[in-house]
Amino acid sequence: MEAGVLIPSAGPKATPKNILDVTRLAERLGYHSIWVTDHVILPHQVESSYPYRVNRRWDYPPETNWLDPLLALSWAGAVAPSLQLGTSVLVAPLRNPILLAKQLSSLDYLSGGRVNLGLGSGWMEEEFDLIGAPYADRGRRLIEMVRLMRELWSGETVNFHGEFWTATGAKMYPRPARGTIPISFGGHTDGAIRRTAQVADAWQPTQITVAQLRDGIRKLREFSEAVDRDPASVKIMARPGNVYAVDAETHAIHQELGVDHIILDTVIMSPDQSELVEQMHRWADVIGLTPRA
């Protein structure tokens, strides 16, 4: 099982030095990846239901530092050449797929093929409104974006006619270093899991219980088989957040469930970096990571 850590790219810890310190520590301790979250602009008033709080209320002030995810990964990745660079998750439907494909292929090319792209459809309608992106059809647009980006990364002349975008008679270079970029989908609703089964390489749910993870894996297998896809071809990721601790017991459950990659969270609004550092050491021991020289 591989392990990653969410670096401080948001909140009071989101400073250039803190990002590099955590990234370097992750590499030394034997982690496989670093991850960042995503928001573009924070409204003063949010009425949308926040899926990662019991009370369903968004509680971050609009002054919260939230770095661009791909620029943060570029900054961090330059000092830790052995780590994968992941998004957990990037809200793709806020963006233009051609521009996003270019940014991602450039980052993957420059980093030597290390991008691990986690995508989500988004939940904050107010953020979509501010950017001018449609909210209601974001799930369908996410699937189309993935298909278009993969065609752009192929190196062939693109000939794409979709419901939302058309791109023909052009090529995009440089290609990703590996020819493509692995894509995971976040979310744990039936719709999100169905989208994963349709087009994603992995499922990356965030802040759900072990029971929900187990049930989601069962659904993912069913939905994959329904579209004639081998369930084993879809990797399983887990980002428990503060929902449950990763200890010997839950690590054993992850292994039983076939989890391929686990991500250590950080409390965004806590200014204390020592909490994250302590957690990173503890996780490394629990998971049995091998330190790098």
C-alpha atoms as a PDB file:
ATOM      1  CA  MET A   1       0.000   0.000   0.000  1.00  0.00           C
ATOM      2  CA  GLU A   2       1.271   3.431  -0.930  1.00  0.00           C
ATOM      3  CA  ALA A   3       0.863   6.438   1.362  1.00  0.00           C
ATOM      4  CA  GLY A   4       0.674  10.154   0.747  1.00  0.00           C
ATOM      5  CA  VAL A   5       0.280  13.327   2.759  1.00  0.00           C
ATOM      6  CA  LEU A   6      -1.771  16.461   2.220  1.00  0.00           C
ATOM      7  CA  ILE A   7       0.753  19.302   2.257  1.00  0.00           C
ATOM      8  CA  PRO A   8      -0.242  22.706   3.740  1.00  0.00           C
ATOM      9  CA  SER A   9      -1.438  24.462   0.584  1.00  0.00           C
ATOM     10  CA  ALA A  10      -4.451  26.017   2.339  1.00  0.00           C
ATOM     11  CA  GLY A  11      -5.009  27.815   5.633  1.00  0.00           C
ATOM     12  CA  PRO A  12      -2.544  29.578   7.949  1.00  0.00           C
ATOM     13  CA  LYS A  13       0.159  26.928   7.405  1.00  0.00           C
ATOM     14  CA  ALA A  14       0.175  27.599   3.645  1.00  0.00           C
ATOM     15  CA  THR A  15       3.552  29.305   3.374  1.00  0.00           C
ATOM     16  CA  PRO A  16       6.375  28.596   0.907  1.00  0.00           C
ATOM     17  CA  LYS A  17       8.636  27.326   3.713  1.00  0.00           C
ATOM     18  CA  ASN A  18       6.023  25.076   5.344  1.00  0.00           C
ATOM     19  CA  ILE A  19       5.167  23.466   2.022  1.00  0.00           C
ATOM     20  CA  LEU A  20       8.813  22.637   1.341  1.00  0.00           C
ATOM     21  CA  ASP A  21       9.460  21.454   4.908  1.00  0.00           C
ATOM     22  CA  VAL A  22       6.546  18.998   4.826  1.00  0.00           C
ATOM     23  CA  THR A  23       7.426  17.830   1.316  1.00  0.00           C
ATOM     24  CA  ARG A  24      11.037  17.134   2.240  1.00  0.00           C
ATOM     25  CA  LEU A  25       9.940  15.298   5.397  1.00  0.00           C
ATOM     26  CA  ALA A  26       7.492  13.186   3.398  1.00  0.00           C
ATOM     27  CA  GLU A  27      10.285  12.126   1.081  1.00  0.00           C
ATOM     28  CA  ARG A  28      12.654  11.303   3.960  1.00  0.00           C
ATOM     29  CA  LEU A  29      10.035   9.233   5.797  1.00  0.00           C
ATOM     30  CA  GLY A  30       9.290   7.127   2.732  1.00  0.00           C
ATOM     31  CA  TYR A  31       5.932   8.519   1.652  1.00  0.00           C
ATOM     32  CA  HIS A  32       5.020   7.973  -1.974  1.00  0.00           C
ATOM     33  CA  SER A  33       3.072  11.136  -2.726  1.00  0.00           C
ATOM     34  CA  ILE A  34       2.035  14.647  -1.740  1.00  0.00           C
ATOM     35  CA  TRP A  35      -1.438  16.070  -2.296  1.00  0.00           C
ATOM     36  CA  VAL A  36      -3.218  19.421  -2.420  1.00  0.00           C
ATOM     37  CA  THR A  37      -6.853  20.536  -2.229  1.00  0.00           C
ATOM     38  CA  ASP A  38      -8.658  23.057  -4.420  1.00  0.00           C
ATOM     39  CA  HIS A  39     -10.777  26.187  -4.194  1.00  0.00           C
ATOM     40  CA  VAL A  40     -10.484  29.127  -6.567  1.00  0.00           C
ATOM     41  CA  ILE A  41     -12.502  31.824  -4.792  1.00  0.00           C
ATOM     42  CA  LEU A  42     -14.345  31.780  -1.458  1.00  0.00           C
ATOM     43  CA  PRO A  43     -17.690  33.577  -1.109  1.00  0.00           C
ATOM     44  CA  HIS A  44     -18.622  35.476   2.042  1.00  0.00           C
ATOM     45  CA  GLN A  45     -21.905  33.553   2.223  1.00  0.00           C
ATOM     46  CA  VAL A  46     -22.206  29.857   1.383  1.00  0.00           C
ATOM     47  CA  GLU A  47     -25.626  28.196   1.476  1.00  0.00           C
ATOM     48  CA  SER A  48     -24.591  25.058  -0.410  1.00  0.00           C
ATOM     49  CA  SER A  49     -24.537  21.903   1.701  1.00  0.00           C
ATOM     50  CA  TYR A  50     -20.938  21.046   2.647  1.00  0.00           C
ATOM     51  CA  PRO A  51     -20.607  17.248   2.500  1.00  0.00           C
ATOM     52  CA  TYR A  52     -17.661  17.037   4.928  1.00  0.00           C
ATOM     53  CA  ARG A  53     -19.251  18.476   8.066  1.00  0.00           C
ATOM     54  CA  VAL A  54     -21.892  16.872  10.256  1.00  0.00           C
ATOM     55  CA  ASN A  55     -23.881  20.135  10.238  1.00  0.00           C
ATOM     56  CA  ARG A  56     -23.344  20.473   6.445  1.00  0.00           C
ATOM     57  CA  ARG A  57     -22.083  24.041   6.893  1.00  0.00           C
ATOM     58  CA  TRP A  58     -18.992  25.542   5.252  1.00  0.00           C
ATOM     59  CA  ASP A  59     -16.937  27.200   7.978  1.00  0.00           C
ATOM     60  CA  TYR A  60     -13.841  28.654   6.296  1.00  0.00           C
ATOM     61  CA  PRO A  61     -13.586  32.472   6.101  1.00  0.00           C
ATOM     62  CA  PRO A  62     -13.154  34.037   2.646  1.00  0.00           C
ATOM     63  CA  GLU A  63      -9.697  35.328   3.673  1.00  0.00           C
ATOM     64  CA  THR A  64      -8.371  31.759   3.939  1.00  0.00           C
ATOM     65  CA  ASN A  65      -5.202  31.223   1.901  1.00  0.00           C
ATOM     66  CA  TRP A  66      -5.918  28.637  -0.791  1.00  0.00           C
ATOM     67  CA  LEU A  67      -3.076  28.224  -3.241  1.00  0.00           C
ATOM     68  CA  ASP A  68      -3.569  27.183  -6.829  1.00  0.00           C
ATOM     69  CA  PRO A  69      -3.147  23.389  -6.669  1.00  0.00           C
ATOM     70  CA  LEU A  70      -0.943  22.914  -9.723  1.00  0.00           C
ATOM     71  CA  LEU A  71       1.362  25.814  -8.885  1.00  0.00           C
ATOM     72  CA  ALA A  72       1.695  24.517  -5.311  1.00  0.00           C
ATOM     73  CA  LEU A  73       2.613  21.063  -6.624  1.00  0.00           C
ATOM     74  CA  SER A  74       5.149  22.574  -9.008  1.00  0.00           C
ATOM     75  CA  TRP A  75       6.775  24.427  -6.098  1.00  0.00           C
ATOM     76  CA  ALA A  76       6.820  21.365  -3.836  1.00  0.00           C
ATOM     77  CA  GLY A  77       7.719  18.793  -6.456  1.00  0.00           C
ATOM     78  CA  ALA A  78      10.945  20.550  -7.398  1.00  0.00           C
ATOM     79  CA  VAL A  79      12.514  19.673  -4.012  1.00  0.00           C
ATOM     80  CA  ALA A  80      11.328  16.045  -3.782  1.00  0.00           C
ATOM     81  CA  PRO A  81      11.935  14.251  -7.077  1.00  0.00           C
ATOM     82  CA  SER A  82      10.797  10.844  -5.808  1.00  0.00           C
ATOM     83  CA  LEU A  83       7.262  11.867  -4.818  1.00  0.00           C
ATOM     84  CA  GLN A  84       4.091  11.672  -6.888  1.00  0.00           C
ATOM     85  CA  LEU A  85       2.191  14.962  -7.138  1.00  0.00           C
ATOM     86  CA  GLY A  86      -1.539  14.647  -6.541  1.00  0.00           C
ATOM     87  CA  THR A  87      -4.722  16.675  -6.325  1.00  0.00           C
ATOM     88  CA  SER A  88      -7.331  15.713  -3.731  1.00  0.00           C
ATOM     89  CA  VAL A  89      -9.361  16.864  -5.474  1.00  0.00           C
ATOM     90  CA  LEU A  90      -9.283  19.454  -8.255  1.00  0.00           C
ATOM     91  CA  VAL A  91     -12.761  20.735  -9.158  1.00  0.00           C
ATOM     92  CA  ALA A  92     -12.521  20.232 -12.901  1.00  0.00           C
ATOM     93  CA  PRO A  93     -15.886  21.701 -14.030  1.00  0.00           C
ATOM     94  CA  LEU A  94     -14.779  25.137 -12.785  1.00  0.00           C
ATOM     95  CA  ARG A  95     -12.197  25.127 -15.578  1.00  0.00           C
ATOM     96  CA  ASN A  96     -11.740  25.001 -19.331  1.00  0.00           C
ATOM     97  CA  PRO A  97     -10.647  21.454 -20.258  1.00  0.00           C
ATOM     98  CA  ILE A  98      -8.190  22.494 -22.978  1.00  0.00           C
ATOM     99  CA  LEU A  99      -6.351  24.922 -20.707  1.00  0.00           C
ATOM    100  CA  LEU A 100      -6.433  22.387 -17.857  1.00  0.00           C
ATOM    101  CA  ALA A 101      -5.064  19.635 -20.111  1.00  0.00           C
ATOM    102  CA  LYS A 102      -2.189  21.927 -21.099  1.00  0.00           C
ATOM    103  CA  GLN A 103      -1.343  22.800 -17.485  1.00  0.00           C
ATOM    104  CA  LEU A 104      -1.426  19.162 -16.434  1.00  0.00           C
ATOM    105  CA  SER A 105       0.610  17.820 -19.342  1.00  0.00           C
ATOM    106  CA  SER A 106       3.199  20.558 -18.758  1.00  0.00           C
ATOM    107  CA  LEU A 107       3.470  19.737 -15.049  1.00  0.00           C
ATOM    108  CA  ASP A 108       3.736  16.013 -15.791  1.00  0.00           C
ATOM    109  CA  TYR A 109       6.366  16.639 -18.465  1.00  0.00           C
ATOM    110  CA  LEU A 110       8.447  18.905 -16.214  1.00  0.00           C
ATOM    111  CA  SER A 111       8.182  16.566 -13.207  1.00  0.00           C
ATOM    112  CA  GLY A 112       9.137  13.440 -15.121  1.00  0.00           C
ATOM    113  CA  GLY A 113       5.703  11.802 -15.105  1.00  0.00           C
ATOM    114  CA  ARG A 114       4.667  12.270 -11.491  1.00  0.00           C
ATOM    115  CA  VAL A 115       1.183  13.809 -11.663  1.00  0.00           C
ATOM    116  CA  ASN A 116      -1.656  11.848 -10.040  1.00  0.00           C
ATOM    117  CA  LEU A 117      -4.854  13.690 -10.882  1.00  0.00           C
ATOM    118  CA  GLY A 118      -7.757  13.541  -8.460  1.00  0.00           C
ATOM    119  CA  LEU A 119     -10.883  15.207  -9.851  1.00  0.00           C
ATOM    120  CA  GLY A 120     -14.249  16.125  -8.400  1.00  0.00           C
ATOM    121  CA  SER A 121     -17.448  17.615  -9.746  1.00  0.00           C
ATOM    122  CA  GLY A 122     -17.654  20.175  -6.937  1.00  0.00           C
ATOM    123  CA  TRP A 123     -20.328  20.983  -4.372  1.00  0.00           C
ATOM    124  CA  MET A 124     -20.177  24.783  -3.801  1.00  0.00           C
ATOM    125  CA  GLU A 125     -22.688  26.328  -6.216  1.00  0.00           C
ATOM    126  CA  GLU A 126     -21.670  29.838  -5.161  1.00  0.00           C
ATOM    127  CA  GLU A 127     -18.110  29.271  -6.402  1.00  0.00           C
ATOM    128  CA  PHE A 128     -19.428  28.131  -9.793  1.00  0.00           C
ATOM    129  CA  ASP A 129     -21.600  31.247  -9.969  1.00  0.00           C
ATOM    130  CA  LEU A 130     -18.658  33.547  -9.230  1.00  0.00           C
ATOM    131  CA  ILE A 131     -16.556  31.947 -11.966  1.00  0.00           C
ATOM    132  CA  GLY A 132     -19.451  31.810 -14.419  1.00  0.00           C
ATOM    133  CA  ALA A 133     -19.423  28.025 -14.803  1.00  0.00           C
ATOM    134  CA  PRO A 134     -22.707  26.084 -14.997  1.00  0.00           C
ATOM    135  CA  TYR A 135     -23.435  24.037 -11.891  1.00  0.00           C
ATOM    136  CA  ALA A 136     -26.378  21.793 -12.765  1.00  0.00           C
ATOM    137  CA  ASP A 137     -24.622  19.645 -15.405  1.00  0.00           C
ATOM    138  CA  ARG A 138     -21.197  19.482 -13.730  1.00  0.00           C
ATOM    139  CA  GLY A 139     -21.190  15.668 -13.455  1.00  0.00           C
ATOM    140  CA  ARG A 140     -21.686  15.168 -17.189  1.00  0.00           C
ATOM    141  CA  ARG A 141     -19.168  17.881 -17.961  1.00  0.00           C
ATOM    142  CA  LEU A 142     -16.597  16.176 -15.718  1.00  0.00           C
ATOM    143  CA  ILE A 143     -16.846  12.948 -17.704  1.00  0.00           C
ATOM    144  CA  GLU A 144     -16.587  14.812 -21.004  1.00  0.00           C
ATOM    145  CA  MET A 145     -13.586  16.793 -19.743  1.00  0.00           C
ATOM    146  CA  VAL A 146     -11.723  13.580 -18.938  1.00  0.00           C
ATOM    147  CA  ARG A 147     -12.418  12.137 -22.375  1.00  0.00           C
ATOM    148  CA  LEU A 148     -11.344  15.342 -24.100  1.00  0.00           C
ATOM    149  CA  MET A 149      -8.160  15.713 -22.033  1.00  0.00           C
ATOM    150  CA  ARG A 150      -7.145  12.125 -22.733  1.00  0.00           C
ATOM    151  CA  GLU A 151      -7.593  12.739 -26.450  1.00  0.00           C
ATOM    152  CA  LEU A 152      -5.502  15.910 -26.208  1.00  0.00           C
ATOM    153  CA  TRP A 153      -2.753  13.994 -24.383  1.00  0.00           C
ATOM    154  CA  SER A 154      -2.641  11.260 -27.039  1.00  0.00           C
ATOM    155  CA  GLY A 155      -0.361  13.233 -29.358  1.00  0.00           C
ATOM    156  CA  GLU A 156      -2.729  12.601 -32.263  1.00  0.00           C
ATOM    157  CA  THR A 157      -4.751  15.189 -34.141  1.00  0.00           C
ATOM    158  CA  VAL A 158      -7.752  15.847 -31.948  1.00  0.00           C
ATOM    159  CA  ASN A 159     -11.195  15.279 -33.448  1.00  0.00           C
ATOM    160  CA  PHE A 160     -13.547  15.702 -30.514  1.00  0.00           C
ATOM    161  CA  HIS A 161     -17.247  16.494 -30.753  1.00  0.00           C
ATOM    162  CA  GLY A 162     -18.915  16.442 -27.344  1.00  0.00           C
ATOM    163  CA  GLU A 163     -22.057  17.759 -25.724  1.00  0.00           C
ATOM    164  CA  PHE A 164     -20.222  20.715 -24.201  1.00  0.00           C
ATOM    165  CA  TRP A 165     -16.933  21.102 -26.111  1.00  0.00           C
ATOM    166  CA  THR A 166     -15.661  20.678 -29.646  1.00  0.00           C
ATOM    167  CA  ALA A 167     -11.975  20.547 -30.581  1.00  0.00           C
ATOM    168  CA  THR A 168     -10.776  19.532 -34.030  1.00  0.00           C
ATOM    169  CA  GLY A 169      -7.763  19.851 -36.327  1.00  0.00           C
ATOM    170  CA  ALA A 170      -5.119  20.468 -33.657  1.00  0.00           C
ATOM    171  CA  LYS A 171      -2.503  18.786 -31.480  1.00  0.00           C
ATOM    172  CA  MET A 172      -1.245  19.477 -27.957  1.00  0.00           C
ATOM    173  CA  TYR A 173       2.418  19.094 -26.983  1.00  0.00           C
ATOM    174  CA  PRO A 174       4.340  18.315 -24.879  1.00  0.00           C
ATOM    175  CA  ARG A 175       2.535  15.122 -24.050  1.00  0.00           C
ATOM    176  CA  PRO A 176       2.543  13.834 -20.478  1.00  0.00           C
ATOM    177  CA  ALA A 177       5.773  11.983 -19.770  1.00  0.00           C
ATOM    178  CA  ARG A 178       3.929   8.648 -19.479  1.00  0.00           C
ATOM    179  CA  GLY A 179       1.672   9.345 -22.437  1.00  0.00           C
ATOM    180  CA  THR A 180      -1.292   9.992 -20.164  1.00  0.00           C
ATOM    181  CA  ILE A 181      -2.042  10.969 -16.551  1.00  0.00           C
ATOM    182  CA  PRO A 182      -3.760   8.642 -14.049  1.00  0.00           C
ATOM    183  CA  ILE A 183      -7.116  10.038 -12.946  1.00  0.00           C
ATOM    184  CA  SER A 184      -9.054   9.320  -9.770  1.00  0.00           C
ATOM    185  CA  PHE A 185     -12.534  10.606  -8.939  1.00  0.00           C
ATOM    186  CA  GLY A 186     -13.542  11.866  -5.532  1.00  0.00           C
ATOM    187  CA  GLY A 187     -17.000  11.764  -3.989  1.00  0.00           C
ATOM    188  CA  HIS A 188     -18.941   8.948  -2.374  1.00  0.00           C
ATOM    189  CA  THR A 189     -22.476   9.358  -3.746  1.00  0.00           C
ATOM    190  CA  ASP A 190     -23.796   6.704  -6.097  1.00  0.00           C
ATOM    191  CA  GLY A 191     -23.403   9.195  -8.951  1.00  0.00           C
ATOM    192  CA  ALA A 192     -19.740   9.808  -8.126  1.00  0.00           C
ATOM    193  CA  ILE A 193     -19.033   6.078  -7.869  1.00  0.00           C
ATOM    194  CA  ARG A 194     -20.807   5.420 -11.178  1.00  0.00           C
ATOM    195  CA  ARG A 195     -18.690   8.108 -12.863  1.00  0.00           C
ATOM    196  CA  THR A 196     -15.586   6.446 -11.436  1.00  0.00           C
ATOM    197  CA  ALA A 197     -16.618   3.103 -12.893  1.00  0.00           C
ATOM    198  CA  GLN A 198     -17.226   4.738 -16.277  1.00  0.00           C
ATOM    199  CA  VAL A 199     -13.984   6.611 -16.898  1.00  0.00           C
ATOM    200  CA  ALA A 200     -11.600   6.931 -13.911  1.00  0.00           C
ATOM    201  CA  ASP A 201      -8.496   4.923 -13.065  1.00  0.00           C
ATOM    202  CA  ALA A 202      -9.161   5.064  -9.310  1.00  0.00           C
ATOM    203  CA  TRP A 203     -11.738   6.008  -6.676  1.00  0.00           C
ATOM    204  CA  GLN A 204     -10.610   8.590  -4.126  1.00  0.00           C
ATOM    205  CA  PRO A 205     -13.306   9.156  -1.467  1.00  0.00           C
ATOM    206  CA  THR A 206     -12.675  11.702   1.273  1.00  0.00           C
ATOM    207  CA  GLN A 207     -13.701  11.686   4.938  1.00  0.00           C
ATOM    208  CA  ILE A 208     -16.023   8.690   5.000  1.00  0.00           C
ATOM    209  CA  THR A 209     -16.274   5.919   7.590  1.00  0.00           C
ATOM    210  CA  VAL A 210     -14.730   2.485   7.167  1.00  0.00           C
ATOM    211  CA  ALA A 211     -18.252   1.089   6.723  1.00  0.00           C
ATOM    212  CA  GLN A 212     -18.959   3.632   3.963  1.00  0.00           C
ATOM    213  CA  LEU A 213     -15.644   2.777   2.322  1.00  0.00           C
ATOM    214  CA  ARG A 214     -16.481  -0.924   2.363  1.00  0.00           C
ATOM    215  CA  ASP A 215     -19.946  -0.285   0.919  1.00  0.00           C
ATOM    216  CA  GLY A 216     -18.550   2.084  -1.711  1.00  0.00           C
ATOM    217  CA  ILE A 217     -16.049  -0.536  -2.874  1.00  0.00           C
ATOM    218  CA  ARG A 218     -18.907  -3.025  -3.217  1.00  0.00           C
ATOM    219  CA  LYS A 219     -20.881  -0.535  -5.316  1.00  0.00           C
ATOM    220  CA  LEU A 220     -17.823   0.297  -7.418  1.00  0.00           C
ATOM    221  CA  ARG A 221     -17.426  -3.373  -8.285  1.00  0.00           C
ATOM    222  CA  GLU A 222     -21.103  -3.645  -9.230  1.00  0.00           C
ATOM    223  CA  PHE A 223     -21.073  -0.453 -11.304  1.00  0.00           C
ATOM    224  CA  SER A 224     -17.838  -1.512 -13.057  1.00  0.00           C
ATOM    225  CA  GLU A 225     -19.285  -4.871 -14.021  1.00  0.00           C
ATOM    226  CA  ALA A 226     -22.426  -3.118 -15.289  1.00  0.00           C
ATOM    227  CA  VAL A 227     -20.295  -1.242 -17.858  1.00  0.00           C
ATOM    228  CA  ASP A 228     -18.275  -4.382 -18.738  1.00  0.00           C
ATOM    229  CA  ARG A 229     -15.205  -3.209 -16.885  1.00  0.00           C
ATOM    230  CA  ASP A 230     -12.942  -5.380 -14.738  1.00  0.00           C
ATOM    231  CA  PRO A 231     -13.386  -4.072 -11.164  1.00  0.00           C
ATOM    232  CA  ALA A 232      -9.734  -4.875 -10.462  1.00  0.00           C
ATOM    233  CA  SER A 233      -8.738  -2.243 -13.029  1.00  0.00           C
ATOM    234  CA  VAL A 234     -10.009   0.536 -10.737  1.00  0.00           C
ATOM    235  CA  LYS A 235      -7.637   1.332  -7.880  1.00  0.00           C
ATOM    236  CA  ILE A 236      -8.932   2.187  -4.412  1.00  0.00           C
ATOM    237  CA  MET A 237      -7.726   5.185  -2.435  1.00  0.00           C
ATOM    238  CA  ALA A 238      -8.711   6.454   1.008  1.00  0.00           C
ATOM    239  CA  ARG A 239      -8.420   9.833   2.719  1.00  0.00           C
ATOM    240  CA  PRO A 240      -9.968   9.372   6.179  1.00  0.00           C
ATOM    241  CA  GLY A 241      -9.476  12.960   7.361  1.00  0.00           C
ATOM    242  CA  ASN A 242     -10.765  13.279  10.915  1.00  0.00           C
ATOM    243  CA  VAL A 243     -13.471  10.625  10.484  1.00  0.00           C
ATOM    244  CA  TYR A 244     -11.311   7.802  11.816  1.00  0.00           C
ATOM    245  CA  ALA A 245      -7.733   7.302  12.908  1.00  0.00           C
ATOM    246  CA  VAL A 246      -5.282   5.229  10.942  1.00  0.00           C
ATOM    247  CA  ASP A 247      -3.936   2.712  13.423  1.00  0.00           C
ATOM    248  CA  ALA A 248      -3.016  -0.967  13.335  1.00  0.00           C
ATOM    249  CA  GLU A 249      -6.696  -1.996  13.251  1.00  0.00           C
ATOM    250  CA  THR A 250      -7.858   0.324  10.468  1.00  0.00           C
ATOM    251  CA  HIS A 251      -4.655  -0.277   8.504  1.00  0.00           C
ATOM    252  CA  ALA A 252      -5.456  -3.998   8.565  1.00  0.00           C
ATOM    253  CA  ILE A 253      -8.972  -3.224   7.299  1.00  0.00           C
ATOM    254  CA  HIS A 254      -7.540  -1.129   4.475  1.00  0.00           C
ATOM    255  CA  GLN A 255      -5.347  -4.056   3.496  1.00  0.00           C
ATOM    256  CA  GLU A 256      -8.324  -6.421   3.638  1.00  0.00           C
ATOM    257  CA  LEU A 257     -10.356  -4.104   1.402  1.00  0.00           C
ATOM    258  CA  GLY A 258      -7.526  -3.813  -1.106  1.00  0.00           C
ATOM    259  CA  VAL A 259      -6.853  -0.102  -0.627  1.00  0.00           C
ATOM    260  CA  ASP A 260      -3.960   0.849  -2.910  1.00  0.00           C
ATOM    261  CA  HIS A 261      -3.157   4.362  -1.666  1.00  0.00           C
ATOM    262  CA  ILE A 262      -3.970   6.211   1.551  1.00  0.00           C
ATOM    263  CA  ILE A 263      -3.690   9.976   2.132  1.00  0.00           C
ATOM    264  CA  LEU A 264      -2.915  11.633   5.472  1.00  0.00           C
ATOM    265  CA  ASP A 265      -4.936  14.798   6.011  1.00  0.00           C
ATOM    266  CA  THR A 266      -3.976  18.017   7.769  1.00  0.00           C
ATOM    267  CA  VAL A 267      -6.247  20.347   9.754  1.00  0.00           C
ATOM    268  CA  ILE A 268      -6.451  23.284   7.360  1.00  0.00           C
ATOM    269  CA  MET A 269      -7.177  26.033   9.893  1.00  0.00           C
ATOM    270  CA  SER A 270      -4.656  24.905  12.501  1.00  0.00           C
ATOM    271  CA  PRO A 271      -1.517  27.084  12.479  1.00  0.00           C
ATOM    272  CA  ASP A 272       0.486  24.378  14.274  1.00  0.00           C
ATOM    273  CA  GLN A 273       2.657  22.474  11.824  1.00  0.00           C
ATOM    274  CA  SER A 274       3.968  20.222  14.615  1.00  0.00           C
ATOM    275  CA  GLU A 275       0.630  18.372  14.692  1.00  0.00           C
ATOM    276  CA  LEU A 276       1.034  17.365  11.066  1.00  0.00           C
ATOM    277  CA  VAL A 277       4.694  16.411  11.526  1.00  0.00           C
ATOM    278  CA  GLU A 278       3.812  14.190  14.486  1.00  0.00           C
ATOM    279  CA  GLN A 279       1.039  12.523  12.488  1.00  0.00           C
ATOM    280  CA  MET A 280       3.389  11.907   9.574  1.00  0.00           C
ATOM    281  CA  HIS A 281       5.843  10.066  11.819  1.00  0.00           C
ATOM    282  CA  ARG A 282       3.061   8.019  13.416  1.00  0.00           C
ATOM    283  CA  TRP A 283       1.537   7.034  10.071  1.00  0.00           C
ATOM    284  CA  ALA A 284       4.941   6.046   8.720  1.00  0.00           C
ATOM    285  CA  ASP A 285       5.316   3.647  11.644  1.00  0.00           C
ATOM    286  CA  VAL A 286       1.787   2.218  11.375  1.00  0.00           C
ATOM    287  CA  ILE A 287       1.975   1.654   7.618  1.00  0.00           C
ATOM    288  CA  GLY A 288       5.566   0.464   7.741  1.00  0.00           C
ATOM    289  CA  LEU A 289       7.126   2.969   5.352  1.00  0.00           C
ATOM    290  CA  THR A 290      10.789   2.592   4.484  1.00  0.00           C
ATOM    291  CA  PRO A 291      12.740   5.831   5.071  1.00  0.00           C
ATOM    292  CA  ARG A 292      14.815   7.149   2.199  1.00  0.00           C
ATOM    293  CA  ALA A 293      18.478   7.870   2.703  1.00  0.00           C
END
